[in-house]
Amino acid sequence: MEYVYAALLLNSAEKEVSEAAVTKVLDAAGAKPDKARVKALVAALDGVDIKEAISKAAPVAAAPTAAPAAPAEEKKEEAKEEEEKPSEEEAAAGLGALFG
């Protein structure tokens, strides 16, 4: 993720997103850059207008989805808890197998 952030920072500063620039940003941040990942990032961003890509993706990312998802997650957790608890008879039957 820090590689993408480095590219975004360079783009925001209107600097060229190059291998050397990304490596310098990561070094300055205290991260140990992997040359292969830096090369892959720069190759993937070759010919991409980052500002345009962000503007197209921004409305999707800004959609409020966290609030409605919370109650659904709670219901799923409750359902899992109920399913995972074996009855006392099932637990006793499992223990009986241990003792022959």
Protein backbone atom coordinates (compact mmCIF):
# COMPACT_ATOMS: atom_id res chain seq x y z
CA MET A 1 0.00 0.00 0.00
CA GLU A 2 2.88 2.32 0.75
CA TYR A 3 3.97 2.04 -2.89
CA VAL A 4 0.62 3.38 -4.08
CA TYR A 5 0.76 6.15 -1.48
CA ALA A 6 4.22 7.12 -2.72
CA ALA A 7 2.89 7.35 -6.29
CA LEU A 8 -0.08 9.41 -5.13
CA LEU A 9 2.20 11.75 -3.20
CA LEU A 10 4.43 12.25 -6.23
CA ASN A 11 1.41 12.87 -8.43
CA SER A 12 0.00 15.35 -5.92
CA ALA A 13 3.32 17.21 -5.92
CA GLU A 14 3.20 17.18 -9.74
CA LYS A 15 6.40 15.14 -9.93
CA GLU A 16 7.11 12.29 -12.31
CA VAL A 17 6.25 8.84 -10.94
CA SER A 18 9.51 7.08 -11.70
CA GLU A 19 11.37 4.22 -10.05
CA ALA A 20 13.93 6.59 -8.55
CA ALA A 21 11.29 8.98 -7.23
CA VAL A 22 9.15 6.24 -5.67
CA THR A 23 12.24 4.70 -4.08
CA LYS A 24 13.26 8.08 -2.61
CA VAL A 25 9.79 8.64 -1.14
CA LEU A 26 9.75 5.18 0.42
CA ASP A 27 13.27 5.66 1.81
CA ALA A 28 12.26 9.01 3.29
CA ALA A 29 9.24 7.38 4.92
CA GLY A 30 11.45 4.74 6.52
CA ALA A 31 10.19 1.86 4.39
CA LYS A 32 12.49 -0.61 2.69
CA PRO A 33 11.52 -0.50 -0.99
CA ASP A 34 11.48 -3.71 -3.00
CA LYS A 35 12.89 -2.99 -6.47
CA ALA A 36 10.56 -5.46 -8.16
CA ARG A 37 7.46 -3.92 -6.60
CA VAL A 38 8.62 -0.42 -7.49
CA LYS A 39 9.18 -1.51 -11.11
CA ALA A 40 5.76 -3.18 -11.23
CA LEU A 41 4.05 -0.07 -9.87
CA VAL A 42 5.74 2.28 -12.31
CA ALA A 43 4.99 -0.08 -15.20
CA ALA A 44 1.33 -0.35 -14.15
CA LEU A 45 1.00 3.44 -13.97
CA ASP A 46 2.69 4.05 -17.31
CA GLY A 47 0.27 6.04 -19.46
CA VAL A 48 -2.32 6.34 -16.67
CA ASP A 49 -3.69 9.79 -15.81
CA ILE A 50 -3.81 9.43 -12.03
CA LYS A 51 -5.93 12.54 -11.46
CA GLU A 52 -8.54 11.29 -13.92
CA ALA A 53 -8.55 7.83 -12.36
CA ILE A 54 -9.06 9.34 -8.90
CA SER A 55 -11.88 11.57 -10.09
CA LYS A 56 -13.68 8.59 -11.63
CA ALA A 57 -13.22 6.46 -8.52
CA ALA A 58 -14.00 9.14 -5.93
CA PRO A 59 -17.84 8.94 -6.10
CA VAL A 60 -17.74 5.19 -5.54
CA ALA A 61 -15.37 5.50 -2.59
CA ALA A 62 -17.41 8.30 -1.03
CA ALA A 63 -20.63 6.29 -0.90
CA PRO A 64 -21.71 5.75 2.73
CA THR A 65 -21.73 1.99 3.14
CA ALA A 66 -20.33 1.51 6.64
CA ALA A 67 -23.46 2.47 8.60
CA PRO A 68 -25.93 -0.02 7.07
CA ALA A 69 -23.38 -2.84 7.11
CA ALA A 70 -22.93 -2.85 10.89
CA PRO A 71 -26.33 -4.34 11.84
CA ALA A 72 -26.05 -7.03 9.19
CA GLU A 73 -22.67 -8.08 10.56
CA GLU A 74 -24.09 -8.36 14.07
CA LYS A 75 -26.89 -10.63 12.84
CA LYS A 76 -24.40 -12.85 11.02
CA GLU A 77 -22.25 -13.14 14.15
CA GLU A 78 -25.28 -14.12 16.25
CA ALA A 79 -26.28 -16.73 13.69
CA LYS A 80 -22.76 -18.20 13.65
CA GLU A 81 -22.69 -18.41 17.44
CA GLU A 82 -25.95 -20.34 17.45
CA GLU A 83 -24.76 -22.73 14.76
CA GLU A 84 -21.38 -23.39 16.35
CA LYS A 85 -22.67 -24.43 19.79
CA PRO A 86 -23.35 -28.18 19.79
CA SER A 87 -26.09 -29.50 22.03
CA GLU A 88 -25.13 -31.27 25.27
CA GLU A 89 -26.09 -34.63 23.73
CA GLU A 90 -23.80 -34.09 20.75
CA ALA A 91 -20.95 -33.04 23.03
CA ALA A 92 -21.46 -36.12 25.23
CA ALA A 93 -21.53 -38.38 22.17
CA GLY A 94 -18.24 -36.92 21.01
CA LEU A 95 -16.65 -37.54 24.40
CA GLY A 96 -17.92 -41.12 24.45
CA ALA A 97 -15.92 -41.83 21.30
CA LEU A 98 -12.73 -40.88 23.12
CA PHE A 99 -13.20 -43.54 25.78
CA GLY A 100 -14.34 -46.35 23.50
